[in-house]
Amino acid sequence: PEAQAGGIGRQLLAAAEDLAIAKKCRAVTMTVITQRHELIAWYERR
């Protein structure tokens, strides 16, 4: 919580996507609680 909004989440997401590409995956999938509108929007921007 003290380190949020500093790009760490974006860097972890990019590392996950790089791993998926290295594993020749079709897509990265996830589930998000429907009420988490701000989080859904964050993922949509990515």
PDB file of all heavy atoms in Angstrom:
ATOM      1  N   PRO A   1       0.809  -1.227   0.000  1.00  0.00           N
ATOM      2  CA  PRO A   1       0.000   0.000   0.000  1.00  0.00           C
ATOM      3  C   PRO A   1       0.846   1.282   0.000  1.00  0.00           C
ATOM      4  O   PRO A   1       0.480   2.265  -0.640  1.00  0.00           O
ATOM      5  CB  PRO A   1      -0.846  -0.114   1.269  1.00  0.00           C
ATOM      6  CG  PRO A   1      -0.963  -1.582   1.501  1.00  0.00           C
ATOM      7  CD  PRO A   1       0.358  -2.162   1.043  1.00  0.00           C
ATOM      8  N   GLU A   2       1.982   1.263   0.671  1.00  0.00           N
ATOM      9  CA  GLU A   2       2.840   2.445   0.734  1.00  0.00           C
ATOM     10  C   GLU A   2       3.564   2.720  -0.583  1.00  0.00           C
ATOM     11  O   GLU A   2       4.068   3.812  -0.797  1.00  0.00           O
ATOM     12  CB  GLU A   2       3.882   2.308   1.860  1.00  0.00           C
ATOM     13  CG  GLU A   2       3.311   2.332   3.257  1.00  0.00           C
ATOM     14  CD  GLU A   2       2.781   0.975   3.713  1.00  0.00           C
ATOM     15  OE1 GLU A   2       3.026  -0.042   3.025  1.00  0.00           O
ATOM     16  OE2 GLU A   2       2.102   0.931   4.755  1.00  0.00           O
ATOM     17  N   ALA A   3       3.638   1.717  -1.469  1.00  0.00           N
ATOM     18  CA  ALA A   3       4.392   1.866  -2.715  1.00  0.00           C
ATOM     19  C   ALA A   3       3.492   1.910  -3.948  1.00  0.00           C
ATOM     20  O   ALA A   3       3.990   1.909  -5.072  1.00  0.00           O
ATOM     21  CB  ALA A   3       5.394   0.714  -2.840  1.00  0.00           C
ATOM     22  N   GLN A   4       2.175   1.962  -3.757  1.00  0.00           N
ATOM     23  CA  GLN A   4       1.263   1.949  -4.897  1.00  0.00           C
ATOM     24  C   GLN A   4       1.335   3.256  -5.678  1.00  0.00           C
ATOM     25  O   GLN A   4       1.728   4.284  -5.150  1.00  0.00           O
ATOM     26  CB  GLN A   4      -0.166   1.662  -4.427  1.00  0.00           C
ATOM     27  CG  GLN A   4      -0.323   0.222  -3.992  1.00  0.00           C
ATOM     28  CD  GLN A   4      -1.726  -0.128  -3.547  1.00  0.00           C
ATOM     29  OE1 GLN A   4      -2.672   0.616  -3.762  1.00  0.00           O
ATOM     30  NE2 GLN A   4      -1.853  -1.274  -2.902  1.00  0.00           N
ATOM     31  N   ALA A   5       0.950   3.176  -6.943  1.00  0.00           N
ATOM     32  CA  ALA A   5       0.928   4.304  -7.885  1.00  0.00           C
ATOM     33  C   ALA A   5       2.338   4.737  -8.282  1.00  0.00           C
ATOM     34  O   ALA A   5       2.538   5.846  -8.756  1.00  0.00           O
ATOM     35  CB  ALA A   5       0.130   5.489  -7.339  1.00  0.00           C
ATOM     36  N   GLY A   6       3.309   3.836  -8.124  1.00  0.00           N
ATOM     37  CA  GLY A   6       4.677   4.150  -8.516  1.00  0.00           C
ATOM     38  C   GLY A   6       5.182   3.320  -9.675  1.00  0.00           C
ATOM     39  O   GLY A   6       6.379   3.335  -9.970  1.00  0.00           O
ATOM     40  N   GLY A   7       4.312   2.555 -10.316  1.00  0.00           N
ATOM     41  CA  GLY A   7       4.710   1.783 -11.488  1.00  0.00           C
ATOM     42  C   GLY A   7       5.065   0.334 -11.221  1.00  0.00           C
ATOM     43  O   GLY A   7       5.353  -0.413 -12.161  1.00  0.00           O
ATOM     44  N   ILE A   8       5.058  -0.089  -9.968  1.00  0.00           N
ATOM     45  CA  ILE A   8       5.428  -1.467  -9.645  1.00  0.00           C
ATOM     46  C   ILE A   8       4.425  -2.457 -10.245  1.00  0.00           C
ATOM     47  O   ILE A   8       4.815  -3.476 -10.820  1.00  0.00           O
ATOM     48  CB  ILE A   8       5.559  -1.655  -8.117  1.00  0.00           C
ATOM     49  CG1 ILE A   8       6.729  -0.817  -7.594  1.00  0.00           C
ATOM     50  CG2 ILE A   8       5.724  -3.132  -7.755  1.00  0.00           C
ATOM     51  CD1 ILE A   8       6.833  -0.752  -6.079  1.00  0.00           C
ATOM     52  N   GLY A   9       3.141  -2.174 -10.135  1.00  0.00           N
ATOM     53  CA  GLY A   9       2.134  -3.058 -10.712  1.00  0.00           C
ATOM     54  C   GLY A   9       2.292  -3.190 -12.218  1.00  0.00           C
ATOM     55  O   GLY A   9       2.201  -4.290 -12.769  1.00  0.00           O
ATOM     56  N   ARG A  10       2.562  -2.079 -12.888  1.00  0.00           N
ATOM     57  CA  ARG A  10       2.771  -2.113 -14.342  1.00  0.00           C
ATOM     58  C   ARG A  10       3.991  -2.966 -14.690  1.00  0.00           C
ATOM     59  O   ARG A  10       3.984  -3.704 -15.678  1.00  0.00           O
ATOM     60  CB  ARG A  10       2.966  -0.697 -14.896  1.00  0.00           C
ATOM     61  CG  ARG A  10       1.665   0.069 -15.057  1.00  0.00           C
ATOM     62  CD  ARG A  10       1.856   1.363 -15.834  1.00  0.00           C
ATOM     63  NE  ARG A  10       2.823   2.276 -15.237  1.00  0.00           N
ATOM     64  CZ  ARG A  10       2.550   3.134 -14.250  1.00  0.00           C
ATOM     65  NH1 ARG A  10       1.333   3.192 -13.761  1.00  0.00           N
ATOM     66  NH2 ARG A  10       3.483   3.925 -13.774  1.00  0.00           N
ATOM     67  N   GLN A  11       5.050  -2.850 -13.888  1.00  0.00           N
ATOM     68  CA  GLN A  11       6.264  -3.630 -14.159  1.00  0.00           C
ATOM     69  C   GLN A  11       6.019  -5.122 -13.940  1.00  0.00           C
ATOM     70  O   GLN A  11       6.496  -5.954 -14.722  1.00  0.00           O
ATOM     71  CB  GLN A  11       7.421  -3.113 -13.302  1.00  0.00           C
ATOM     72  CG  GLN A  11       7.881  -1.746 -13.767  1.00  0.00           C
ATOM     73  CD  GLN A  11       8.838  -1.088 -12.804  1.00  0.00           C
ATOM     74  OE1 GLN A  11       8.704  -1.184 -11.593  1.00  0.00           O
ATOM     75  NE2 GLN A  11       9.828  -0.405 -13.350  1.00  0.00           N
ATOM     76  N   LEU A  12       5.279  -5.472 -12.898  1.00  0.00           N
ATOM     77  CA  LEU A  12       4.951  -6.884 -12.666  1.00  0.00           C
ATOM     78  C   LEU A  12       4.045  -7.411 -13.777  1.00  0.00           C
ATOM     79  O   LEU A  12       4.213  -8.547 -14.230  1.00  0.00           O
ATOM     80  CB  LEU A  12       4.287  -7.065 -11.295  1.00  0.00           C
ATOM     81  CG  LEU A  12       5.233  -7.050 -10.104  1.00  0.00           C
ATOM     82  CD1 LEU A  12       4.457  -6.874  -8.802  1.00  0.00           C
ATOM     83  CD2 LEU A  12       6.075  -8.318 -10.070  1.00  0.00           C
ATOM     84  N   LEU A  13       3.097  -6.605 -14.226  1.00  0.00           N
ATOM     85  CA  LEU A  13       2.207  -7.013 -15.313  1.00  0.00           C
ATOM     86  C   LEU A  13       3.021  -7.239 -16.589  1.00  0.00           C
ATOM     87  O   LEU A  13       2.810  -8.234 -17.298  1.00  0.00           O
ATOM     88  CB  LEU A  13       1.135  -5.943 -15.519  1.00  0.00           C
ATOM     89  CG  LEU A  13      -0.034  -6.301 -16.423  1.00  0.00           C
ATOM     90  CD1 LEU A  13      -0.829  -7.472 -15.868  1.00  0.00           C
ATOM     91  CD2 LEU A  13      -0.948  -5.094 -16.592  1.00  0.00           C
ATOM     92  N   ALA A  14       3.958  -6.352 -16.889  1.00  0.00           N
ATOM     93  CA  ALA A  14       4.807  -6.514 -18.071  1.00  0.00           C
ATOM     94  C   ALA A  14       5.660  -7.776 -17.962  1.00  0.00           C
ATOM     95  O   ALA A  14       5.818  -8.510 -18.948  1.00  0.00           O
ATOM     96  CB  ALA A  14       5.693  -5.278 -18.252  1.00  0.00           C
ATOM     97  N   ALA A  15       6.192  -8.062 -16.773  1.00  0.00           N
ATOM     98  CA  ALA A  15       6.990  -9.278 -16.584  1.00  0.00           C
ATOM     99  C   ALA A  15       6.128 -10.519 -16.795  1.00  0.00           C
ATOM    100  O   ALA A  15       6.574 -11.510 -17.384  1.00  0.00           O
ATOM    101  CB  ALA A  15       7.613  -9.288 -15.184  1.00  0.00           C
ATOM    102  N   ALA A  16       4.871 -10.474 -16.332  1.00  0.00           N
ATOM    103  CA  ALA A  16       3.955 -11.598 -16.529  1.00  0.00           C
ATOM    104  C   ALA A  16       3.671 -11.797 -18.019  1.00  0.00           C
ATOM    105  O   ALA A  16       3.671 -12.932 -18.515  1.00  0.00           O
ATOM    106  CB  ALA A  16       2.658 -11.350 -15.764  1.00  0.00           C
ATOM    107  N   GLU A  17       3.446 -10.706 -18.741  1.00  0.00           N
ATOM    108  CA  GLU A  17       3.175 -10.800 -20.173  1.00  0.00           C
ATOM    109  C   GLU A  17       4.402 -11.318 -20.918  1.00  0.00           C
ATOM    110  O   GLU A  17       4.278 -12.131 -21.841  1.00  0.00           O
ATOM    111  CB  GLU A  17       2.720  -9.446 -20.709  1.00  0.00           C
ATOM    112  CG  GLU A  17       1.347  -9.059 -20.192  1.00  0.00           C
ATOM    113  CD  GLU A  17       0.960  -7.618 -20.486  1.00  0.00           C
ATOM    114  OE1 GLU A  17       1.730  -6.895 -21.153  1.00  0.00           O
ATOM    115  OE2 GLU A  17      -0.135  -7.204 -20.041  1.00  0.00           O
ATOM    116  N   ASP A  18       5.600 -10.886 -20.521  1.00  0.00           N
ATOM    117  CA  ASP A  18       6.829 -11.393 -21.134  1.00  0.00           C
ATOM    118  C   ASP A  18       6.959 -12.896 -20.911  1.00  0.00           C
ATOM    119  O   ASP A  18       7.345 -13.640 -21.823  1.00  0.00           O
ATOM    120  CB  ASP A  18       8.058 -10.674 -20.569  1.00  0.00           C
ATOM    121  CG  ASP A  18       8.172  -9.225 -21.029  1.00  0.00           C
ATOM    122  OD1 ASP A  18       7.470  -8.835 -21.999  1.00  0.00           O
ATOM    123  OD2 ASP A  18       8.960  -8.488 -20.407  1.00  0.00           O
ATOM    124  N   LEU A  19       6.634 -13.361 -19.716  1.00  0.00           N
ATOM    125  CA  LEU A  19       6.688 -14.790 -19.413  1.00  0.00           C
ATOM    126  C   LEU A  19       5.680 -15.555 -20.276  1.00  0.00           C
ATOM    127  O   LEU A  19       5.988 -16.626 -20.809  1.00  0.00           O
ATOM    128  CB  LEU A  19       6.415 -15.033 -17.928  1.00  0.00           C
ATOM    129  CG  LEU A  19       6.479 -16.493 -17.477  1.00  0.00           C
ATOM    130  CD1 LEU A  19       7.896 -17.037 -17.592  1.00  0.00           C
ATOM    131  CD2 LEU A  19       5.985 -16.619 -16.041  1.00  0.00           C
ATOM    132  N   ALA A  20       4.474 -14.993 -20.421  1.00  0.00           N
ATOM    133  CA  ALA A  20       3.451 -15.638 -21.245  1.00  0.00           C
ATOM    134  C   ALA A  20       3.922 -15.767 -22.693  1.00  0.00           C
ATOM    135  O   ALA A  20       3.718 -16.813 -23.328  1.00  0.00           O
ATOM    136  CB  ALA A  20       2.146 -14.849 -21.168  1.00  0.00           C
ATOM    137  N   ILE A  21       4.565 -14.737 -23.196  1.00  0.00           N
ATOM    138  CA  ILE A  21       5.085 -14.779 -24.566  1.00  0.00           C
ATOM    139  C   ILE A  21       6.178 -15.843 -24.676  1.00  0.00           C
ATOM    140  O   ILE A  21       6.208 -16.637 -25.626  1.00  0.00           O
ATOM    141  CB  ILE A  21       5.585 -13.385 -25.000  1.00  0.00           C
ATOM    142  CG1 ILE A  21       4.378 -12.438 -25.168  1.00  0.00           C
ATOM    143  CG2 ILE A  21       6.409 -13.466 -26.287  1.00  0.00           C
ATOM    144  CD1 ILE A  21       4.755 -10.969 -25.279  1.00  0.00           C
ATOM    145  N   ALA A  22       7.069 -15.882 -23.675  1.00  0.00           N
ATOM    146  CA  ALA A  22       8.148 -16.880 -23.684  1.00  0.00           C
ATOM    147  C   ALA A  22       7.595 -18.304 -23.642  1.00  0.00           C
ATOM    148  O   ALA A  22       8.175 -19.225 -24.227  1.00  0.00           O
ATOM    149  CB  ALA A  22       9.087 -16.644 -22.502  1.00  0.00           C
ATOM    150  N   LYS A  23       6.450 -18.489 -22.982  1.00  0.00           N
ATOM    151  CA  LYS A  23       5.815 -19.805 -22.895  1.00  0.00           C
ATOM    152  C   LYS A  23       4.877 -20.058 -24.078  1.00  0.00           C
ATOM    153  O   LYS A  23       4.167 -21.050 -24.097  1.00  0.00           O
ATOM    154  CB  LYS A  23       5.042 -19.927 -21.574  1.00  0.00           C
ATOM    155  CG  LYS A  23       5.926 -19.996 -20.343  1.00  0.00           C
ATOM    156  CD  LYS A  23       5.055 -20.069 -19.087  1.00  0.00           C
ATOM    157  CE  LYS A  23       5.877 -20.341 -17.849  1.00  0.00           C
ATOM    158  NZ  LYS A  23       6.178 -21.754 -17.689  1.00  0.00           N
ATOM    159  N   LYS A  24       4.868 -19.122 -25.037  1.00  0.00           N
ATOM    160  CA  LYS A  24       4.035 -19.225 -26.238  1.00  0.00           C
ATOM    161  C   LYS A  24       2.540 -19.335 -25.909  1.00  0.00           C
ATOM    162  O   LYS A  24       1.791 -20.072 -26.552  1.00  0.00           O
ATOM    163  CB  LYS A  24       4.492 -20.390 -27.114  1.00  0.00           C
ATOM    164  CG  LYS A  24       5.949 -20.233 -27.556  1.00  0.00           C
ATOM    165  CD  LYS A  24       6.356 -21.256 -28.557  1.00  0.00           C
ATOM    166  CE  LYS A  24       7.774 -21.172 -29.045  1.00  0.00           C
ATOM    167  NZ  LYS A  24       8.599 -20.068 -28.748  1.00  0.00           N
ATOM    168  N   CYS A  25       2.110 -18.582 -24.906  1.00  0.00           N
ATOM    169  CA  CYS A  25       0.697 -18.565 -24.518  1.00  0.00           C
ATOM    170  C   CYS A  25      -0.109 -17.725 -25.506  1.00  0.00           C
ATOM    171  O   CYS A  25       0.412 -16.793 -26.126  1.00  0.00           O
ATOM    172  CB  CYS A  25       0.536 -17.998 -23.108  1.00  0.00           C
ATOM    173  SG  CYS A  25       1.221 -19.072 -21.840  1.00  0.00           S
ATOM    174  N   ARG A  26      -1.383 -18.048 -25.634  1.00  0.00           N
ATOM    175  CA  ARG A  26      -2.317 -17.314 -26.491  1.00  0.00           C
ATOM    176  C   ARG A  26      -2.685 -15.985 -25.866  1.00  0.00           C
ATOM    177  O   ARG A  26      -2.837 -14.969 -26.546  1.00  0.00           O
ATOM    178  CB  ARG A  26      -3.589 -18.164 -26.674  1.00  0.00           C
ATOM    179  CG  ARG A  26      -4.686 -17.497 -27.477  1.00  0.00           C
ATOM    180  CD  ARG A  26      -6.014 -18.228 -27.332  1.00  0.00           C
ATOM    181  NE  ARG A  26      -6.552 -18.090 -25.986  1.00  0.00           N
ATOM    182  CZ  ARG A  26      -7.291 -17.062 -25.560  1.00  0.00           C
ATOM    183  NH1 ARG A  26      -7.587 -16.074 -26.369  1.00  0.00           N
ATOM    184  NH2 ARG A  26      -7.744 -17.020 -24.324  1.00  0.00           N
ATOM    185  N   ALA A  27      -2.878 -15.987 -24.512  1.00  0.00           N
ATOM    186  CA  ALA A  27      -3.374 -14.796 -23.818  1.00  0.00           C
ATOM    187  C   ALA A  27      -3.006 -14.867 -22.340  1.00  0.00           C
ATOM    188  O   ALA A  27      -2.690 -15.936 -21.811  1.00  0.00           O
ATOM    189  CB  ALA A  27      -4.894 -14.697 -23.963  1.00  0.00           C
ATOM    190  N   VAL A  28      -3.088 -13.715 -21.703  1.00  0.00           N
ATOM    191  CA  VAL A  28      -3.046 -13.636 -20.239  1.00  0.00           C
ATOM    192  C   VAL A  28      -4.491 -13.434 -19.806  1.00  0.00           C
ATOM    193  O   VAL A  28      -5.189 -12.556 -20.333  1.00  0.00           O
ATOM    194  CB  VAL A  28      -2.159 -12.473 -19.746  1.00  0.00           C
ATOM    195  CG1 VAL A  28      -2.232 -12.342 -18.228  1.00  0.00           C
ATOM    196  CG2 VAL A  28      -0.718 -12.677 -20.195  1.00  0.00           C
ATOM    197  N   THR A  29      -4.955 -14.254 -18.866  1.00  0.00           N
ATOM    198  CA  THR A  29      -6.332 -14.170 -18.390  1.00  0.00           C
ATOM    199  C   THR A  29      -6.341 -13.873 -16.893  1.00  0.00           C
ATOM    200  O   THR A  29      -5.353 -14.109 -16.195  1.00  0.00           O
ATOM    201  CB  THR A  29      -7.103 -15.482 -18.644  1.00  0.00           C
ATOM    202  OG1 THR A  29      -6.489 -16.531 -17.880  1.00  0.00           O
ATOM    203  CG2 THR A  29      -7.111 -15.844 -20.115  1.00  0.00           C
ATOM    204  N   MET A  30      -7.454 -13.353 -16.424  1.00  0.00           N
ATOM    205  CA  MET A  30      -7.595 -13.058 -14.993  1.00  0.00           C
ATOM    206  C   MET A  30      -9.071 -12.943 -14.650  1.00  0.00           C
ATOM    207  O   MET A  30      -9.919 -12.812 -15.541  1.00  0.00           O
ATOM    208  CB  MET A  30      -6.890 -11.756 -14.630  1.00  0.00           C
ATOM    209  CG  MET A  30      -7.541 -10.524 -15.241  1.00  0.00           C
ATOM    210  SD  MET A  30      -6.694  -8.990 -14.845  1.00  0.00           S
ATOM    211  CE  MET A  30      -5.249  -9.142 -15.858  1.00  0.00           C
ATOM    212  N   THR A  31      -9.351 -12.972 -13.355  1.00  0.00           N
ATOM    213  CA  THR A  31     -10.695 -12.673 -12.866  1.00  0.00           C
ATOM    214  C   THR A  31     -10.585 -11.475 -11.939  1.00  0.00           C
ATOM    215  O   THR A  31      -9.623 -11.348 -11.182  1.00  0.00           O
ATOM    216  CB  THR A  31     -11.316 -13.868 -12.115  1.00  0.00           C
ATOM    217  OG1 THR A  31     -10.452 -14.265 -11.036  1.00  0.00           O
ATOM    218  CG2 THR A  31     -11.553 -15.046 -13.045  1.00  0.00           C
ATOM    219  N   VAL A  32     -11.576 -10.570 -12.035  1.00  0.00           N
ATOM    220  CA  VAL A  32     -11.606  -9.362 -11.213  1.00  0.00           C
ATOM    221  C   VAL A  32     -13.008  -9.233 -10.627  1.00  0.00           C
ATOM    222  O   VAL A  32     -13.996  -9.428 -11.340  1.00  0.00           O
ATOM    223  CB  VAL A  32     -11.262  -8.103 -12.048  1.00  0.00           C
ATOM    224  CG1 VAL A  32     -11.250  -6.851 -11.176  1.00  0.00           C
ATOM    225  CG2 VAL A  32      -9.929  -8.268 -12.766  1.00  0.00           C
ATOM    226  N   ILE A  33     -13.085  -8.919  -9.346  1.00  0.00           N
ATOM    227  CA  ILE A  33     -14.391  -8.720  -8.703  1.00  0.00           C
ATOM    228  C   ILE A  33     -15.139  -7.607  -9.448  1.00  0.00           C
ATOM    229  O   ILE A  33     -14.579  -6.534  -9.692  1.00  0.00           O
ATOM    230  CB  ILE A  33     -14.219  -8.385  -7.211  1.00  0.00           C
ATOM    231  CG1 ILE A  33     -13.610  -9.587  -6.471  1.00  0.00           C
ATOM    232  CG2 ILE A  33     -15.554  -7.994  -6.574  1.00  0.00           C
ATOM    233  CD1 ILE A  33     -13.244  -9.316  -5.021  1.00  0.00           C
ATOM    234  N   THR A  34     -16.389  -7.869  -9.810  1.00  0.00           N
ATOM    235  CA  THR A  34     -17.154  -6.943 -10.652  1.00  0.00           C
ATOM    236  C   THR A  34     -17.266  -5.551 -10.048  1.00  0.00           C
ATOM    237  O   THR A  34     -17.339  -4.565 -10.785  1.00  0.00           O
ATOM    238  CB  THR A  34     -18.566  -7.488 -10.932  1.00  0.00           C
ATOM    239  OG1 THR A  34     -19.221  -7.752  -9.692  1.00  0.00           O
ATOM    240  CG2 THR A  34     -18.520  -8.749 -11.766  1.00  0.00           C
ATOM    241  N   GLN A  35     -17.286  -5.438  -8.724  1.00  0.00           N
ATOM    242  CA  GLN A  35     -17.418  -4.123  -8.069  1.00  0.00           C
ATOM    243  C   GLN A  35     -16.124  -3.306  -8.107  1.00  0.00           C
ATOM    244  O   GLN A  35     -16.125  -2.141  -7.737  1.00  0.00           O
ATOM    245  CB  GLN A  35     -17.843  -4.306  -6.598  1.00  0.00           C
ATOM    246  CG  GLN A  35     -19.277  -4.719  -6.421  1.00  0.00           C
ATOM    247  CD  GLN A  35     -19.483  -6.231  -6.444  1.00  0.00           C
ATOM    248  OE1 GLN A  35     -18.665  -6.991  -6.942  1.00  0.00           O
ATOM    249  NE2 GLN A  35     -20.601  -6.675  -5.905  1.00  0.00           N
ATOM    250  N   ARG A  36     -15.025  -3.880  -8.564  1.00  0.00           N
ATOM    251  CA  ARG A  36     -13.729  -3.194  -8.561  1.00  0.00           C
ATOM    252  C   ARG A  36     -13.555  -2.376  -9.840  1.00  0.00           C
ATOM    253  O   ARG A  36     -12.648  -2.596 -10.635  1.00  0.00           O
ATOM    254  CB  ARG A  36     -12.592  -4.216  -8.410  1.00  0.00           C
ATOM    255  CG  ARG A  36     -12.653  -5.114  -7.194  1.00  0.00           C
ATOM    256  CD  ARG A  36     -12.255  -4.454  -5.903  1.00  0.00           C
ATOM    257  NE  ARG A  36     -11.079  -3.635  -5.987  1.00  0.00           N
ATOM    258  CZ  ARG A  36      -9.827  -4.076  -5.907  1.00  0.00           C
ATOM    259  NH1 ARG A  36      -9.584  -5.346  -5.706  1.00  0.00           N
ATOM    260  NH2 ARG A  36      -8.822  -3.244  -5.994  1.00  0.00           N
ATOM    261  N   HIS A  37     -14.433  -1.399 -10.038  1.00  0.00           N
ATOM    262  CA  HIS A  37     -14.466  -0.620 -11.280  1.00  0.00           C
ATOM    263  C   HIS A  37     -13.136   0.063 -11.590  1.00  0.00           C
ATOM    264  O   HIS A  37     -12.705   0.085 -12.747  1.00  0.00           O
ATOM    265  CB  HIS A  37     -15.599   0.411 -11.225  1.00  0.00           C
ATOM    266  CG  HIS A  37     -16.935  -0.203 -10.950  1.00  0.00           C
ATOM    267  ND1 HIS A  37     -17.573  -1.010 -11.856  1.00  0.00           N
ATOM    268  CD2 HIS A  37     -17.733  -0.176  -9.852  1.00  0.00           C
ATOM    269  CE1 HIS A  37     -18.723  -1.444 -11.339  1.00  0.00           C
ATOM    270  NE2 HIS A  37     -18.831  -0.948 -10.122  1.00  0.00           N
ATOM    271  N   GLU A  38     -12.480   0.629 -10.563  1.00  0.00           N
ATOM    272  CA  GLU A  38     -11.216   1.331 -10.803  1.00  0.00           C
ATOM    273  C   GLU A  38     -10.128   0.356 -11.233  1.00  0.00           C
ATOM    274  O   GLU A  38      -9.288   0.683 -12.069  1.00  0.00           O
ATOM    275  CB  GLU A  38     -10.788   2.135  -9.561  1.00  0.00           C
ATOM    276  CG  GLU A  38     -10.249   1.314  -8.397  1.00  0.00           C
ATOM    277  CD  GLU A  38     -11.258   0.419  -7.659  1.00  0.00           C
ATOM    278  OE1 GLU A  38     -12.481   0.642  -7.751  1.00  0.00           O
ATOM    279  OE2 GLU A  38     -10.817  -0.513  -6.962  1.00  0.00           O
ATOM    280  N   LEU A  39     -10.157  -0.859 -10.709  1.00  0.00           N
ATOM    281  CA  LEU A  39      -9.167  -1.865 -11.079  1.00  0.00           C
ATOM    282  C   LEU A  39      -9.441  -2.392 -12.491  1.00  0.00           C
ATOM    283  O   LEU A  39      -8.511  -2.556 -13.288  1.00  0.00           O
ATOM    284  CB  LEU A  39      -9.174  -3.009 -10.068  1.00  0.00           C
ATOM    285  CG  LEU A  39      -8.089  -4.063 -10.228  1.00  0.00           C
ATOM    286  CD1 LEU A  39      -6.698  -3.444 -10.186  1.00  0.00           C
ATOM    287  CD2 LEU A  39      -8.235  -5.121  -9.142  1.00  0.00           C
ATOM    288  N   ILE A  40     -10.691  -2.630 -12.811  1.00  0.00           N
ATOM    289  CA  ILE A  40     -11.060  -3.055 -14.165  1.00  0.00           C
ATOM    290  C   ILE A  40     -10.595  -2.003 -15.175  1.00  0.00           C
ATOM    291  O   ILE A  40      -9.991  -2.333 -16.209  1.00  0.00           O
ATOM    292  CB  ILE A  40     -12.575  -3.309 -14.254  1.00  0.00           C
ATOM    293  CG1 ILE A  40     -12.939  -4.551 -13.417  1.00  0.00           C
ATOM    294  CG2 ILE A  40     -13.028  -3.464 -15.707  1.00  0.00           C
ATOM    295  CD1 ILE A  40     -14.430  -4.729 -13.166  1.00  0.00           C
ATOM    296  N   ALA A  41     -10.820  -0.734 -14.870  1.00  0.00           N
ATOM    297  CA  ALA A  41     -10.390   0.353 -15.768  1.00  0.00           C
ATOM    298  C   ALA A  41      -8.866   0.367 -15.911  1.00  0.00           C
ATOM    299  O   ALA A  41      -8.338   0.612 -17.005  1.00  0.00           O
ATOM    300  CB  ALA A  41     -10.896   1.699 -15.246  1.00  0.00           C
ATOM    301  N   TRP A  42      -8.133   0.097 -14.819  1.00  0.00           N
ATOM    302  CA  TRP A  42      -6.665   0.056 -14.854  1.00  0.00           C
ATOM    303  C   TRP A  42      -6.208  -1.028 -15.823  1.00  0.00           C
ATOM    304  O   TRP A  42      -5.331  -0.796 -16.656  1.00  0.00           O
ATOM    305  CB  TRP A  42      -6.124  -0.183 -13.443  1.00  0.00           C
ATOM    306  CG  TRP A  42      -4.636  -0.077 -13.309  1.00  0.00           C
ATOM    307  CD1 TRP A  42      -3.915   1.058 -13.089  1.00  0.00           C
ATOM    308  CD2 TRP A  42      -3.686  -1.149 -13.366  1.00  0.00           C
ATOM    309  NE1 TRP A  42      -2.568   0.757 -13.011  1.00  0.00           N
ATOM    310  CE2 TRP A  42      -2.409  -0.591 -13.174  1.00  0.00           C
ATOM    311  CE3 TRP A  42      -3.788  -2.525 -13.550  1.00  0.00           C
ATOM    312  CZ2 TRP A  42      -1.239  -1.351 -13.169  1.00  0.00           C
ATOM    313  CZ3 TRP A  42      -2.627  -3.289 -13.556  1.00  0.00           C
ATOM    314  CH2 TRP A  42      -1.369  -2.705 -13.361  1.00  0.00           C
ATOM    315  N   TYR A  43      -6.805  -2.212 -15.735  1.00  0.00           N
ATOM    316  CA  TYR A  43      -6.443  -3.298 -16.653  1.00  0.00           C
ATOM    317  C   TYR A  43      -6.847  -2.974 -18.089  1.00  0.00           C
ATOM    318  O   TYR A  43      -6.113  -3.282 -19.025  1.00  0.00           O
ATOM    319  CB  TYR A  43      -7.071  -4.621 -16.210  1.00  0.00           C
ATOM    320  CG  TYR A  43      -6.355  -5.266 -15.049  1.00  0.00           C
ATOM    321  CD1 TYR A  43      -7.007  -5.486 -13.847  1.00  0.00           C
ATOM    322  CD2 TYR A  43      -5.025  -5.668 -15.154  1.00  0.00           C
ATOM    323  CE1 TYR A  43      -6.354  -6.081 -12.773  1.00  0.00           C
ATOM    324  CE2 TYR A  43      -4.360  -6.256 -14.085  1.00  0.00           C
ATOM    325  CZ  TYR A  43      -5.032  -6.462 -12.897  1.00  0.00           C
ATOM    326  OH  TYR A  43      -4.376  -7.046 -11.848  1.00  0.00           O
ATOM    327  N   GLU A  44      -7.999  -2.351 -18.270  1.00  0.00           N
ATOM    328  CA  GLU A  44      -8.432  -1.986 -19.628  1.00  0.00           C
ATOM    329  C   GLU A  44      -7.442  -1.022 -20.274  1.00  0.00           C
ATOM    330  O   GLU A  44      -7.155  -1.131 -21.475  1.00  0.00           O
ATOM    331  CB  GLU A  44      -9.837  -1.377 -19.598  1.00  0.00           C
ATOM    332  CG  GLU A  44     -10.912  -2.411 -19.346  1.00  0.00           C
ATOM    333  CD  GLU A  44     -12.302  -1.817 -19.180  1.00  0.00           C
ATOM    334  OE1 GLU A  44     -12.436  -0.611 -18.884  1.00  0.00           O
ATOM    335  OE2 GLU A  44     -13.261  -2.587 -19.321  1.00  0.00           O
ATOM    336  N   ARG A  45      -6.892  -0.095 -19.486  1.00  0.00           N
ATOM    337  CA  ARG A  45      -5.899   0.842 -20.024  1.00  0.00           C
ATOM    338  C   ARG A  45      -4.618   0.123 -20.454  1.00  0.00           C
ATOM    339  O   ARG A  45      -3.820   0.667 -21.213  1.00  0.00           O
ATOM    340  CB  ARG A  45      -5.573   1.936 -19.003  1.00  0.00           C
ATOM    341  CG  ARG A  45      -6.705   2.920 -18.803  1.00  0.00           C
ATOM    342  CD  ARG A  45      -6.291   4.143 -18.009  1.00  0.00           C
ATOM    343  NE  ARG A  45      -5.797   3.874 -16.678  1.00  0.00           N
ATOM    344  CZ  ARG A  45      -6.552   3.750 -15.580  1.00  0.00           C
ATOM    345  NH1 ARG A  45      -7.874   3.862 -15.668  1.00  0.00           N
ATOM    346  NH2 ARG A  45      -6.009   3.512 -14.397  1.00  0.00           N
ATOM    347  N   ARG A  46      -4.442  -1.098 -19.986  1.00  0.00           N
ATOM    348  CA  ARG A  46      -3.264  -1.889 -20.335  1.00  0.00           C
ATOM    349  C   ARG A  46      -3.582  -2.990 -21.340  1.00  0.00           C
ATOM    350  O   ARG A  46      -2.817  -3.928 -21.517  1.00  0.00           O
ATOM    351  CB  ARG A  46      -2.642  -2.459 -19.063  1.00  0.00           C
ATOM    352  CG  ARG A  46      -1.800  -1.386 -18.391  1.00  0.00           C
ATOM    353  CD  ARG A  46      -1.834  -1.391 -16.882  1.00  0.00           C
ATOM    354  NE  ARG A  46      -1.273  -0.128 -16.410  1.00  0.00           N
ATOM    355  CZ  ARG A  46      -1.989   0.970 -16.211  1.00  0.00           C
ATOM    356  NH1 ARG A  46      -3.285   0.992 -16.424  1.00  0.00           N
ATOM    357  NH2 ARG A  46      -1.415   2.080 -15.786  1.00  0.00           N
TER     358      ARG A  46
END
